[in-house]
Amino acid sequence: MAEPIRVALAGFGAWGRMHARALAALPDAALVAVFCHGEASAAAAKAEIPHVRRHASYEAMLAAGAFDAVIVAVPNDLHAAFSVAALEAGAHVVLEKPLGLTLAECDAVIDAARRADRMVVVNHELRVSHQWGAVRGLIASGELGRVRHQHFSLFRRGFRHGSGGWRMQGDRVGSWSLEELVHFLDLLAWYGQESGEPRVAAARAQGGPATADIVTAWLEWPDGATAVVTQCLAGFEHHTLLEIACTEGAVRTWWTGREDRATQAQYELAVRRGAEPPERIAIPLSGEVYELQEHLGRAFAAFRGAPTTITLAEARRAVALCLEVDRMATRDV
């Protein structure tokens, strides 16, 4: 068995702590260092992972070395700079989405990875889900024919503010589209990839501009396929719904829980093949807590030569779609 990948973790806020817990369940990874941005996160790290070296600055953690990969789990405005620095230090990177707040930031990370000959795997964890990833498998099999239309809906409570309220600050979060809608736009493009590259045909938002709590977008593909996606942060709990109509069948799947990080949730995946009655497909586990662990395992496997779950070009495309949604949604406001 290969030696465990030595991991340095940048950020020990709520999601950084989730990363640490997921790492503890992976036998081929060892958390060896953590950057804590303040006293509260340092105290939490001391209590939860006392055996791990703690650093008060990111630069000090990188300078100390003795790691193979860096997980970047810091506010969105730091993603690109932290990733480039880790790559220049010779590490592979697991980066929380989005890849960057602008296409220039995305390109800076892509260029740095190429120069360093290292990998960056962006955490679009829904791609590895037993639920959402299974949808792509059904489409890729060809048994449902060509995708004609997709409908995705998110209805949830508002975002947690994050350390220092960063999710409420447009210059730090980028936009609330880049915070969550980016996942769903990536899925829609992935599901419809046989139809070519999608474009944003129309979008509308309420609130904002960076912090619009209701956003609806219409996407079109070169072959005439369409999609409608809605992100509503003015609801309650956490509810997602996906419906796909194909030429030879259809898919419907949903997930509902008390919050996005719920470990006890309800979900269903149903598929209709041709004229047959719809069939319910069993899903072992679904939820971002489980998908994070799966994503990390696959990222580390990619560092060792396995296929990656998402290319940097695809992660960049998801950012580009978000930026276009935001531009079109706010141009008449």
C-alpha atoms as a PDB file:
ATOM      1  CA  MET A   1       0.000   0.000   0.000  1.00  0.00           C
ATOM      2  CA  ALA A   2       1.283   3.477  -0.921  1.00  0.00           C
ATOM      3  CA  GLU A   3       2.223   5.906   1.807  1.00  0.00           C
ATOM      4  CA  PRO A   4      -0.656   8.161   2.902  1.00  0.00           C
ATOM      5  CA  ILE A   5      -0.832  11.533   1.199  1.00  0.00           C
ATOM      6  CA  ARG A   6       0.278  14.205   3.652  1.00  0.00           C
ATOM      7  CA  VAL A   7      -2.311  16.972   3.707  1.00  0.00           C
ATOM      8  CA  ALA A   8      -2.093  20.576   4.891  1.00  0.00           C
ATOM      9  CA  LEU A   9      -5.447  22.254   5.526  1.00  0.00           C
ATOM     10  CA  ALA A  10      -5.920  25.981   4.889  1.00  0.00           C
ATOM     11  CA  GLY A  11      -8.854  27.099   7.013  1.00  0.00           C
ATOM     12  CA  PHE A  12     -10.486  25.649  10.094  1.00  0.00           C
ATOM     13  CA  GLY A  13     -13.882  27.278  10.041  1.00  0.00           C
ATOM     14  CA  ALA A  14     -17.088  25.258   9.851  1.00  0.00           C
ATOM     15  CA  TRP A  15     -16.297  23.702   6.476  1.00  0.00           C
ATOM     16  CA  GLY A  16     -12.583  23.295   7.205  1.00  0.00           C
ATOM     17  CA  ARG A  17     -13.572  21.245  10.231  1.00  0.00           C
ATOM     18  CA  MET A  18     -15.756  19.097   7.983  1.00  0.00           C
ATOM     19  CA  HIS A  19     -12.700  18.474   5.814  1.00  0.00           C
ATOM     20  CA  ALA A  20     -10.679  17.423   8.859  1.00  0.00           C
ATOM     21  CA  ARG A  21     -13.365  14.934   9.887  1.00  0.00           C
ATOM     22  CA  ALA A  22     -13.608  13.535   6.370  1.00  0.00           C
ATOM     23  CA  LEU A  23      -9.821  13.130   6.220  1.00  0.00           C
ATOM     24  CA  ALA A  24      -9.852  11.162   9.473  1.00  0.00           C
ATOM     25  CA  ALA A  25     -11.998   8.528   7.740  1.00  0.00           C
ATOM     26  CA  LEU A  26      -9.611   8.107   4.791  1.00  0.00           C
ATOM     27  CA  PRO A  27      -6.810   5.556   5.352  1.00  0.00           C
ATOM     28  CA  ASP A  28      -4.705   6.894   2.454  1.00  0.00           C
ATOM     29  CA  ALA A  29      -4.497  10.460   3.797  1.00  0.00           C
ATOM     30  CA  ALA A  30      -2.913  12.055   6.869  1.00  0.00           C
ATOM     31  CA  LEU A  31      -3.616  15.587   8.057  1.00  0.00           C
ATOM     32  CA  VAL A  32      -0.234  17.019   9.092  1.00  0.00           C
ATOM     33  CA  ALA A  33      -0.731  20.798   9.267  1.00  0.00           C
ATOM     34  CA  VAL A  34      -3.486  23.372   9.546  1.00  0.00           C
ATOM     35  CA  PHE A  35      -3.622  27.135   9.026  1.00  0.00           C
ATOM     36  CA  CYS A  36      -5.942  28.848  11.517  1.00  0.00           C
ATOM     37  CA  HIS A  37      -6.808  32.445  10.700  1.00  0.00           C
ATOM     38  CA  GLY A  38      -7.727  33.499  14.250  1.00  0.00           C
ATOM     39  CA  GLU A  39      -7.839  32.559  17.914  1.00  0.00           C
ATOM     40  CA  ALA A  40     -11.235  30.858  17.718  1.00  0.00           C
ATOM     41  CA  SER A  41     -10.241  28.519  14.891  1.00  0.00           C
ATOM     42  CA  ALA A  42      -6.870  27.830  16.537  1.00  0.00           C
ATOM     43  CA  ALA A  43      -8.637  26.851  19.760  1.00  0.00           C
ATOM     44  CA  ALA A  44     -10.997  24.601  17.826  1.00  0.00           C
ATOM     45  CA  ALA A  45      -8.087  22.938  16.041  1.00  0.00           C
ATOM     46  CA  LYS A  46      -6.246  22.400  19.311  1.00  0.00           C
ATOM     47  CA  ALA A  47      -9.329  20.719  20.769  1.00  0.00           C
ATOM     48  CA  GLU A  48     -10.320  18.631  17.746  1.00  0.00           C
ATOM     49  CA  ILE A  49      -6.992  17.754  16.092  1.00  0.00           C
ATOM     50  CA  PRO A  50      -4.360  18.270  18.833  1.00  0.00           C
ATOM     51  CA  HIS A  51      -1.781  16.106  17.036  1.00  0.00           C
ATOM     52  CA  VAL A  52      -1.734  18.371  13.939  1.00  0.00           C
ATOM     53  CA  ARG A  53       0.755  21.260  13.596  1.00  0.00           C
ATOM     54  CA  ARG A  54      -1.029  24.609  13.797  1.00  0.00           C
ATOM     55  CA  HIS A  55       0.117  27.732  11.956  1.00  0.00           C
ATOM     56  CA  ALA A  56      -1.036  31.305  12.466  1.00  0.00           C
ATOM     57  CA  SER A  57      -0.183  32.292   8.887  1.00  0.00           C
ATOM     58  CA  TYR A  58      -0.665  30.528   5.572  1.00  0.00           C
ATOM     59  CA  GLU A  59       2.787  31.555   4.422  1.00  0.00           C
ATOM     60  CA  ALA A  60       4.357  29.923   7.499  1.00  0.00           C
ATOM     61  CA  MET A  61       2.498  26.681   6.852  1.00  0.00           C
ATOM     62  CA  LEU A  62       3.693  26.570   3.247  1.00  0.00           C
ATOM     63  CA  ALA A  63       7.261  27.439   4.249  1.00  0.00           C
ATOM     64  CA  ALA A  64       7.318  24.600   6.793  1.00  0.00           C
ATOM     65  CA  GLY A  65       6.669  22.078   4.022  1.00  0.00           C
ATOM     66  CA  ALA A  66       6.437  18.325   4.678  1.00  0.00           C
ATOM     67  CA  PHE A  67       3.101  17.907   2.871  1.00  0.00           C
ATOM     68  CA  ASP A  68       1.994  16.617  -0.532  1.00  0.00           C
ATOM     69  CA  ALA A  69      -1.330  18.380  -0.961  1.00  0.00           C
ATOM     70  CA  VAL A  70      -3.122  21.462   0.338  1.00  0.00           C
ATOM     71  CA  ILE A  71      -6.868  21.713   0.903  1.00  0.00           C
ATOM     72  CA  VAL A  72      -8.022  25.304   0.399  1.00  0.00           C
ATOM     73  CA  ALA A  73     -11.143  25.879   2.511  1.00  0.00           C
ATOM     74  CA  VAL A  74     -11.098  29.649   3.011  1.00  0.00           C
ATOM     75  CA  PRO A  75     -13.469  32.437   1.882  1.00  0.00           C
ATOM     76  CA  ASN A  76     -14.018  32.692  -1.869  1.00  0.00           C
ATOM     77  CA  ASP A  77     -11.924  35.816  -2.410  1.00  0.00           C
ATOM     78  CA  LEU A  78      -8.805  33.928  -1.253  1.00  0.00           C
ATOM     79  CA  HIS A  79      -9.258  30.816  -3.403  1.00  0.00           C
ATOM     80  CA  ALA A  80      -7.083  31.819  -6.334  1.00  0.00           C
ATOM     81  CA  ALA A  81      -4.213  33.355  -4.349  1.00  0.00           C
ATOM     82  CA  PHE A  82      -4.054  30.469  -1.874  1.00  0.00           C
ATOM     83  CA  SER A  83      -4.142  27.903  -4.678  1.00  0.00           C
ATOM     84  CA  VAL A  84      -1.384  29.587  -6.678  1.00  0.00           C
ATOM     85  CA  ALA A  85       0.818  29.809  -3.562  1.00  0.00           C
ATOM     86  CA  ALA A  86       0.287  26.112  -2.775  1.00  0.00           C
ATOM     87  CA  LEU A  87       1.126  25.124  -6.342  1.00  0.00           C
ATOM     88  CA  GLU A  88       4.263  27.232  -6.283  1.00  0.00           C
ATOM     89  CA  ALA A  89       5.216  25.411  -3.065  1.00  0.00           C
ATOM     90  CA  GLY A  90       5.063  22.148  -5.024  1.00  0.00           C
ATOM     91  CA  ALA A  91       1.753  20.796  -3.713  1.00  0.00           C
ATOM     92  CA  HIS A  92      -1.338  19.408  -5.356  1.00  0.00           C
ATOM     93  CA  VAL A  93      -4.500  21.320  -4.412  1.00  0.00           C
ATOM     94  CA  VAL A  94      -8.027  20.396  -3.393  1.00  0.00           C
ATOM     95  CA  LEU A  95      -9.941  23.647  -3.792  1.00  0.00           C
ATOM     96  CA  GLU A  96     -13.398  24.463  -2.544  1.00  0.00           C
ATOM     97  CA  LYS A  97     -15.595  25.906  -5.284  1.00  0.00           C
ATOM     98  CA  PRO A  98     -15.546  28.299  -6.982  1.00  0.00           C
ATOM     99  CA  LEU A  99     -12.259  28.066  -8.871  1.00  0.00           C
ATOM    100  CA  GLY A 100     -12.107  31.879  -8.764  1.00  0.00           C
ATOM    101  CA  LEU A 101     -14.262  34.986  -8.517  1.00  0.00           C
ATOM    102  CA  THR A 102     -13.324  36.087 -12.048  1.00  0.00           C
ATOM    103  CA  LEU A 103     -12.163  34.328 -15.181  1.00  0.00           C
ATOM    104  CA  ALA A 104      -8.787  36.019 -14.717  1.00  0.00           C
ATOM    105  CA  GLU A 105      -8.476  34.370 -11.301  1.00  0.00           C
ATOM    106  CA  CYS A 106      -9.475  31.022 -12.794  1.00  0.00           C
ATOM    107  CA  ASP A 107      -6.848  31.384 -15.504  1.00  0.00           C
ATOM    108  CA  ALA A 108      -4.189  32.293 -12.930  1.00  0.00           C
ATOM    109  CA  VAL A 109      -4.818  29.018 -11.085  1.00  0.00           C
ATOM    110  CA  ILE A 110      -4.865  27.008 -14.320  1.00  0.00           C
ATOM    111  CA  ASP A 111      -1.585  28.586 -15.466  1.00  0.00           C
ATOM    112  CA  ALA A 112       0.048  27.993 -12.070  1.00  0.00           C
ATOM    113  CA  ALA A 113      -0.971  24.314 -12.131  1.00  0.00           C
ATOM    114  CA  ARG A 114       0.516  23.928 -15.595  1.00  0.00           C
ATOM    115  CA  ARG A 115       3.782  25.595 -14.603  1.00  0.00           C
ATOM    116  CA  ALA A 116       4.114  23.543 -11.415  1.00  0.00           C
ATOM    117  CA  ASP A 117       3.029  20.284 -13.094  1.00  0.00           C
ATOM    118  CA  ARG A 118       0.600  19.738 -10.227  1.00  0.00           C
ATOM    119  CA  MET A 119      -3.132  19.062 -10.092  1.00  0.00           C
ATOM    120  CA  VAL A 120      -5.984  21.174  -8.790  1.00  0.00           C
ATOM    121  CA  VAL A 121      -9.251  19.356  -8.086  1.00  0.00           C
ATOM    122  CA  VAL A 122     -12.178  21.700  -7.411  1.00  0.00           C
ATOM    123  CA  ASN A 123     -14.766  20.440  -4.941  1.00  0.00           C
ATOM    124  CA  HIS A 124     -17.858  20.047  -7.100  1.00  0.00           C
ATOM    125  CA  GLU A 125     -18.788  17.153  -4.857  1.00  0.00           C
ATOM    126  CA  LEU A 126     -22.232  16.525  -6.366  1.00  0.00           C
ATOM    127  CA  ARG A 127     -20.463  14.840  -9.291  1.00  0.00           C
ATOM    128  CA  VAL A 128     -19.406  11.960  -7.036  1.00  0.00           C
ATOM    129  CA  SER A 129     -22.799  11.643  -5.322  1.00  0.00           C
ATOM    130  CA  HIS A 130     -24.624   8.310  -5.414  1.00  0.00           C
ATOM    131  CA  GLN A 131     -27.659  10.416  -6.314  1.00  0.00           C
ATOM    132  CA  TRP A 132     -26.587  13.275  -8.576  1.00  0.00           C
ATOM    133  CA  GLY A 133     -23.700  11.363 -10.119  1.00  0.00           C
ATOM    134  CA  ALA A 134     -26.037   8.466 -10.907  1.00  0.00           C
ATOM    135  CA  VAL A 135     -28.100  10.799 -13.097  1.00  0.00           C
ATOM    136  CA  ARG A 136     -25.074  11.406 -15.317  1.00  0.00           C
ATOM    137  CA  GLY A 137     -24.550   7.650 -15.528  1.00  0.00           C
ATOM    138  CA  LEU A 138     -28.100   7.130 -16.788  1.00  0.00           C
ATOM    139  CA  ILE A 139     -27.666   9.812 -19.456  1.00  0.00           C
ATOM    140  CA  ALA A 140     -24.190   8.649 -20.497  1.00  0.00           C
ATOM    141  CA  SER A 141     -25.479   5.087 -20.989  1.00  0.00           C
ATOM    142  CA  GLY A 142     -27.553   6.337 -23.929  1.00  0.00           C
ATOM    143  CA  GLU A 143     -30.645   4.401 -22.828  1.00  0.00           C
ATOM    144  CA  LEU A 144     -32.656   7.598 -22.294  1.00  0.00           C
ATOM    145  CA  GLY A 145     -31.723   9.163 -25.621  1.00  0.00           C
ATOM    146  CA  ARG A 146     -30.838  12.836 -25.980  1.00  0.00           C
ATOM    147  CA  VAL A 147     -31.465  15.356 -23.200  1.00  0.00           C
ATOM    148  CA  ARG A 148     -34.232  17.762 -24.269  1.00  0.00           C
ATOM    149  CA  HIS A 149     -34.970  19.759 -21.118  1.00  0.00           C
ATOM    150  CA  GLN A 150     -33.713  20.082 -17.536  1.00  0.00           C
ATOM    151  CA  HIS A 151     -35.322  21.761 -14.564  1.00  0.00           C
ATOM    152  CA  PHE A 152     -33.395  22.306 -11.324  1.00  0.00           C
ATOM    153  CA  SER A 153     -34.775  24.009  -8.224  1.00  0.00           C
ATOM    154  CA  LEU A 154     -33.173  24.868  -4.882  1.00  0.00           C
ATOM    155  CA  PHE A 155     -35.424  26.078  -2.040  1.00  0.00           C
ATOM    156  CA  ARG A 156     -33.582  26.638   1.225  1.00  0.00           C
ATOM    157  CA  ARG A 157     -32.971  28.885   4.194  1.00  0.00           C
ATOM    158  CA  GLY A 158     -30.483  31.726   3.890  1.00  0.00           C
ATOM    159  CA  PHE A 159     -26.749  31.160   4.024  1.00  0.00           C
ATOM    160  CA  ARG A 160     -24.737  31.036   7.222  1.00  0.00           C
ATOM    161  CA  HIS A 161     -22.800  34.294   7.457  1.00  0.00           C
ATOM    162  CA  GLY A 162     -19.380  32.643   7.724  1.00  0.00           C
ATOM    163  CA  SER A 163     -16.430  33.808   9.796  1.00  0.00           C
ATOM    164  CA  GLY A 164     -16.467  37.598   9.949  1.00  0.00           C
ATOM    165  CA  GLY A 165     -19.641  37.628   7.854  1.00  0.00           C
ATOM    166  CA  TRP A 166     -17.775  36.967   4.595  1.00  0.00           C
ATOM    167  CA  ARG A 167     -20.767  35.405   2.796  1.00  0.00           C
ATOM    168  CA  MET A 168     -22.680  38.658   3.271  1.00  0.00           C
ATOM    169  CA  GLN A 169     -19.928  40.751   1.627  1.00  0.00           C
ATOM    170  CA  GLY A 170     -19.998  40.961  -2.161  1.00  0.00           C
ATOM    171  CA  ASP A 171     -16.265  41.513  -2.535  1.00  0.00           C
ATOM    172  CA  ARG A 172     -15.518  38.367  -0.536  1.00  0.00           C
ATOM    173  CA  VAL A 173     -18.207  35.914  -1.655  1.00  0.00           C
ATOM    174  CA  GLY A 174     -18.213  37.171  -5.260  1.00  0.00           C
ATOM    175  CA  SER A 175     -21.928  36.516  -5.497  1.00  0.00           C
ATOM    176  CA  TRP A 176     -24.418  34.076  -4.042  1.00  0.00           C
ATOM    177  CA  SER A 177     -24.504  32.483  -7.482  1.00  0.00           C
ATOM    178  CA  LEU A 178     -20.819  31.610  -7.090  1.00  0.00           C
ATOM    179  CA  GLU A 179     -21.520  30.304  -3.586  1.00  0.00           C
ATOM    180  CA  GLU A 180     -24.112  27.654  -4.500  1.00  0.00           C
ATOM    181  CA  LEU A 181     -25.707  28.036  -7.940  1.00  0.00           C
ATOM    182  CA  VAL A 182     -22.267  27.189  -9.359  1.00  0.00           C
ATOM    183  CA  HIS A 183     -22.860  23.565  -8.309  1.00  0.00           C
ATOM    184  CA  PHE A 184     -26.127  23.309 -10.208  1.00  0.00           C
ATOM    185  CA  LEU A 185     -24.935  25.071 -13.344  1.00  0.00           C
ATOM    186  CA  ASP A 186     -22.039  22.617 -13.416  1.00  0.00           C
ATOM    187  CA  LEU A 187     -24.459  19.690 -13.134  1.00  0.00           C
ATOM    188  CA  LEU A 188     -26.703  20.986 -15.930  1.00  0.00           C
ATOM    189  CA  ALA A 189     -23.720  21.482 -18.260  1.00  0.00           C
ATOM    190  CA  TRP A 190     -22.383  18.029 -17.315  1.00  0.00           C
ATOM    191  CA  TYR A 191     -25.702  16.278 -17.857  1.00  0.00           C
ATOM    192  CA  GLY A 192     -26.157  17.999 -21.219  1.00  0.00           C
ATOM    193  CA  GLN A 193     -22.597  17.729 -22.487  1.00  0.00           C
ATOM    194  CA  GLU A 194     -23.576  15.638 -25.527  1.00  0.00           C
ATOM    195  CA  SER A 195     -25.544  18.687 -26.715  1.00  0.00           C
ATOM    196  CA  GLY A 196     -22.467  20.927 -26.726  1.00  0.00           C
ATOM    197  CA  GLU A 197     -21.724  24.008 -24.646  1.00  0.00           C
ATOM    198  CA  PRO A 198     -24.650  25.813 -22.979  1.00  0.00           C
ATOM    199  CA  ARG A 199     -25.246  29.533 -23.052  1.00  0.00           C
ATOM    200  CA  VAL A 200     -27.248  31.693 -20.662  1.00  0.00           C
ATOM    201  CA  ALA A 201     -30.240  32.930 -22.642  1.00  0.00           C
ATOM    202  CA  ALA A 202     -31.920  34.900 -19.840  1.00  0.00           C
ATOM    203  CA  ALA A 203     -31.703  35.471 -16.098  1.00  0.00           C
ATOM    204  CA  ARG A 204     -33.543  37.457 -13.460  1.00  0.00           C
ATOM    205  CA  ALA A 205     -32.774  38.118  -9.797  1.00  0.00           C
ATOM    206  CA  GLN A 206     -34.409  39.643  -6.750  1.00  0.00           C
ATOM    207  CA  GLY A 207     -32.097  41.369  -4.267  1.00  0.00           C
ATOM    208  CA  GLY A 208     -28.409  41.833  -4.740  1.00  0.00           C
ATOM    209  CA  PRO A 209     -26.639  42.441  -6.952  1.00  0.00           C
ATOM    210  CA  ALA A 210     -24.061  40.144  -5.311  1.00  0.00           C
ATOM    211  CA  THR A 211     -26.479  38.925  -2.656  1.00  0.00           C
ATOM    212  CA  ALA A 212     -29.629  38.207  -4.667  1.00  0.00           C
ATOM    213  CA  ASP A 213     -31.624  35.661  -2.674  1.00  0.00           C
ATOM    214  CA  ILE A 214     -33.765  34.574  -5.648  1.00  0.00           C
ATOM    215  CA  VAL A 215     -32.190  33.880  -9.048  1.00  0.00           C
ATOM    216  CA  THR A 216     -33.723  32.193 -12.086  1.00  0.00           C
ATOM    217  CA  ALA A 217     -31.810  31.436 -15.285  1.00  0.00           C
ATOM    218  CA  TRP A 218     -32.675  29.949 -18.680  1.00  0.00           C
ATOM    219  CA  LEU A 219     -29.973  27.975 -20.530  1.00  0.00           C
ATOM    220  CA  GLU A 220     -29.885  26.831 -24.162  1.00  0.00           C
ATOM    221  CA  TRP A 221     -27.721  24.333 -26.066  1.00  0.00           C
ATOM    222  CA  PRO A 222     -26.782  24.348 -29.781  1.00  0.00           C
ATOM    223  CA  ASP A 223     -29.106  21.396 -30.541  1.00  0.00           C
ATOM    224  CA  GLY A 224     -32.155  23.109 -29.019  1.00  0.00           C
ATOM    225  CA  ALA A 225     -32.004  21.564 -25.528  1.00  0.00           C
ATOM    226  CA  THR A 226     -33.035  23.899 -22.705  1.00  0.00           C
ATOM    227  CA  ALA A 227     -32.795  24.189 -18.923  1.00  0.00           C
ATOM    228  CA  VAL A 228     -34.344  26.328 -16.216  1.00  0.00           C
ATOM    229  CA  VAL A 229     -32.616  26.669 -12.836  1.00  0.00           C
ATOM    230  CA  THR A 230     -33.858  28.525  -9.770  1.00  0.00           C
ATOM    231  CA  GLN A 231     -31.999  29.279  -6.557  1.00  0.00           C
ATOM    232  CA  CYS A 232     -34.258  30.512  -3.749  1.00  0.00           C
ATOM    233  CA  LEU A 233     -32.534  31.398  -0.474  1.00  0.00           C
ATOM    234  CA  ALA A 234     -35.704  32.860   1.025  1.00  0.00           C
ATOM    235  CA  GLY A 235     -37.184  29.515   1.982  1.00  0.00           C
ATOM    236  CA  PHE A 236     -36.614  27.063   4.818  1.00  0.00           C
ATOM    237  CA  GLU A 237     -34.677  23.854   5.444  1.00  0.00           C
ATOM    238  CA  HIS A 238     -32.928  22.534   2.306  1.00  0.00           C
ATOM    239  CA  HIS A 239     -34.790  21.129  -0.697  1.00  0.00           C
ATOM    240  CA  THR A 240     -33.496  20.344  -4.197  1.00  0.00           C
ATOM    241  CA  LEU A 241     -35.371  18.973  -7.207  1.00  0.00           C
ATOM    242  CA  LEU A 242     -34.133  17.895 -10.641  1.00  0.00           C
ATOM    243  CA  GLU A 243     -36.317  16.839 -13.581  1.00  0.00           C
ATOM    244  CA  ILE A 244     -34.896  15.828 -16.964  1.00  0.00           C
ATOM    245  CA  ALA A 245     -36.872  14.994 -20.107  1.00  0.00           C
ATOM    246  CA  CYS A 246     -35.036  12.986 -22.767  1.00  0.00           C
ATOM    247  CA  THR A 247     -36.063  11.652 -26.182  1.00  0.00           C
ATOM    248  CA  GLU A 248     -36.361   8.073 -24.868  1.00  0.00           C
ATOM    249  CA  GLY A 249     -37.123   8.540 -21.176  1.00  0.00           C
ATOM    250  CA  ALA A 250     -37.002  10.861 -18.192  1.00  0.00           C
ATOM    251  CA  VAL A 251     -35.412  11.295 -14.744  1.00  0.00           C
ATOM    252  CA  ARG A 252     -36.738  12.872 -11.569  1.00  0.00           C
ATOM    253  CA  THR A 253     -34.779  13.123  -8.322  1.00  0.00           C
ATOM    254  CA  TRP A 254     -35.058  15.163  -5.122  1.00  0.00           C
ATOM    255  CA  TRP A 255     -33.339  15.646  -1.767  1.00  0.00           C
ATOM    256  CA  THR A 256     -34.806  17.198   1.394  1.00  0.00           C
ATOM    257  CA  GLY A 257     -33.278  17.746   4.827  1.00  0.00           C
ATOM    258  CA  ARG A 258     -33.328  20.113   7.777  1.00  0.00           C
ATOM    259  CA  GLU A 259     -30.140  21.736   6.439  1.00  0.00           C
ATOM    260  CA  ASP A 260     -27.591  21.234   3.680  1.00  0.00           C
ATOM    261  CA  ARG A 261     -25.233  19.347   6.023  1.00  0.00           C
ATOM    262  CA  ALA A 262     -27.915  17.003   7.344  1.00  0.00           C
ATOM    263  CA  THR A 263     -26.861  13.371   7.723  1.00  0.00           C
ATOM    264  CA  GLN A 264     -30.464  12.226   8.058  1.00  0.00           C
ATOM    265  CA  ALA A 265     -32.347  13.277   4.926  1.00  0.00           C
ATOM    266  CA  GLN A 266     -34.950  11.978   2.521  1.00  0.00           C
ATOM    267  CA  TYR A 267     -34.245  11.521  -1.167  1.00  0.00           C
ATOM    268  CA  GLU A 268     -35.422   9.639  -4.230  1.00  0.00           C
ATOM    269  CA  LEU A 269     -34.246   8.880  -7.752  1.00  0.00           C
ATOM    270  CA  ALA A 270     -36.741   7.690 -10.370  1.00  0.00           C
ATOM    271  CA  VAL A 271     -36.220   6.935 -14.068  1.00  0.00           C
ATOM    272  CA  ARG A 272     -38.577   6.149 -16.930  1.00  0.00           C
ATOM    273  CA  ARG A 273     -37.069   4.146 -19.795  1.00  0.00           C
ATOM    274  CA  GLY A 274     -39.094   4.374 -22.986  1.00  0.00           C
ATOM    275  CA  ALA A 275     -42.759   3.563 -22.389  1.00  0.00           C
ATOM    276  CA  GLU A 276     -42.068   1.529 -19.241  1.00  0.00           C
ATOM    277  CA  PRO A 277     -43.462   2.678 -15.867  1.00  0.00           C
ATOM    278  CA  PRO A 278     -40.995   4.764 -13.796  1.00  0.00           C
ATOM    279  CA  GLU A 279     -38.551   2.782 -11.677  1.00  0.00           C
ATOM    280  CA  ARG A 280     -37.239   3.881  -8.261  1.00  0.00           C
ATOM    281  CA  ILE A 281     -33.478   3.398  -7.969  1.00  0.00           C
ATOM    282  CA  ALA A 282     -31.980   2.713  -4.544  1.00  0.00           C
ATOM    283  CA  ILE A 283     -29.512   5.332  -3.276  1.00  0.00           C
ATOM    284  CA  PRO A 284     -27.114   4.124  -0.534  1.00  0.00           C
ATOM    285  CA  LEU A 285     -26.394   7.558   1.001  1.00  0.00           C
ATOM    286  CA  SER A 286     -26.803  11.107  -0.218  1.00  0.00           C
ATOM    287  CA  GLY A 287     -25.748  14.432   1.283  1.00  0.00           C
ATOM    288  CA  GLU A 288     -22.742  16.733   1.165  1.00  0.00           C
ATOM    289  CA  VAL A 289     -21.246  15.264   4.347  1.00  0.00           C
ATOM    290  CA  TYR A 290     -20.889  11.875   2.617  1.00  0.00           C
ATOM    291  CA  GLU A 291     -19.977  13.383  -0.731  1.00  0.00           C
ATOM    292  CA  LEU A 292     -17.125  15.404   0.752  1.00  0.00           C
ATOM    293  CA  GLN A 293     -15.390  12.239   1.945  1.00  0.00           C
ATOM    294  CA  GLU A 294     -15.926  10.571  -1.432  1.00  0.00           C
ATOM    295  CA  HIS A 295     -14.642  13.643  -3.246  1.00  0.00           C
ATOM    296  CA  LEU A 296     -11.453  13.801  -1.175  1.00  0.00           C
ATOM    297  CA  GLY A 297     -10.778  10.125  -1.758  1.00  0.00           C
ATOM    298  CA  ARG A 298     -11.151  10.572  -5.501  1.00  0.00           C
ATOM    299  CA  ALA A 299      -9.024  13.723  -5.505  1.00  0.00           C
ATOM    300  CA  PHE A 300      -6.165  11.897  -3.806  1.00  0.00           C
ATOM    301  CA  ALA A 301      -6.564   9.023  -6.274  1.00  0.00           C
ATOM    302  CA  ALA A 302      -6.316  11.565  -9.117  1.00  0.00           C
ATOM    303  CA  PHE A 303      -3.062  12.876  -7.648  1.00  0.00           C
ATOM    304  CA  ARG A 304      -1.788   9.310  -8.047  1.00  0.00           C
ATOM    305  CA  GLY A 305      -2.918   8.988 -11.655  1.00  0.00           C
ATOM    306  CA  ALA A 306      -6.638   8.132 -11.598  1.00  0.00           C
ATOM    307  CA  PRO A 307      -9.103  10.185 -13.698  1.00  0.00           C
ATOM    308  CA  THR A 308     -10.215  13.442 -12.106  1.00  0.00           C
ATOM    309  CA  THR A 309     -13.887  14.053 -11.301  1.00  0.00           C
ATOM    310  CA  ILE A 310     -13.858  17.510 -12.912  1.00  0.00           C
ATOM    311  CA  THR A 311     -11.367  19.236 -15.179  1.00  0.00           C
ATOM    312  CA  LEU A 312     -10.197  22.774 -14.572  1.00  0.00           C
ATOM    313  CA  ALA A 313     -11.814  23.758 -17.874  1.00  0.00           C
ATOM    314  CA  GLU A 314     -15.161  22.476 -16.545  1.00  0.00           C
ATOM    315  CA  ALA A 315     -14.704  24.291 -13.219  1.00  0.00           C
ATOM    316  CA  ARG A 316     -13.896  27.462 -15.163  1.00  0.00           C
ATOM    317  CA  ARG A 317     -17.010  26.989 -17.302  1.00  0.00           C
ATOM    318  CA  ALA A 318     -19.169  26.808 -14.161  1.00  0.00           C
ATOM    319  CA  VAL A 319     -17.730  30.146 -13.002  1.00  0.00           C
ATOM    320  CA  ALA A 320     -18.271  31.667 -16.454  1.00  0.00           C
ATOM    321  CA  LEU A 321     -21.927  30.591 -16.424  1.00  0.00           C
ATOM    322  CA  CYS A 322     -22.416  32.120 -12.958  1.00  0.00           C
ATOM    323  CA  LEU A 323     -20.848  35.397 -14.030  1.00  0.00           C
ATOM    324  CA  GLU A 324     -23.104  35.540 -17.086  1.00  0.00           C
ATOM    325  CA  VAL A 325     -26.182  34.734 -14.986  1.00  0.00           C
ATOM    326  CA  ASP A 326     -25.252  37.554 -12.593  1.00  0.00           C
ATOM    327  CA  ARG A 327     -24.606  39.968 -15.466  1.00  0.00           C
ATOM    328  CA  MET A 328     -27.896  39.241 -17.200  1.00  0.00           C
ATOM    329  CA  ALA A 329     -29.896  39.098 -13.963  1.00  0.00           C
ATOM    330  CA  THR A 330     -28.819  42.556 -12.862  1.00  0.00           C
ATOM    331  CA  ARG A 331     -28.430  44.470 -16.140  1.00  0.00           C
ATOM    332  CA  ASP A 332     -31.965  45.888 -15.984  1.00  0.00           C
ATOM    333  CA  VAL A 333     -32.036  46.457 -12.203  1.00  0.00           C
END
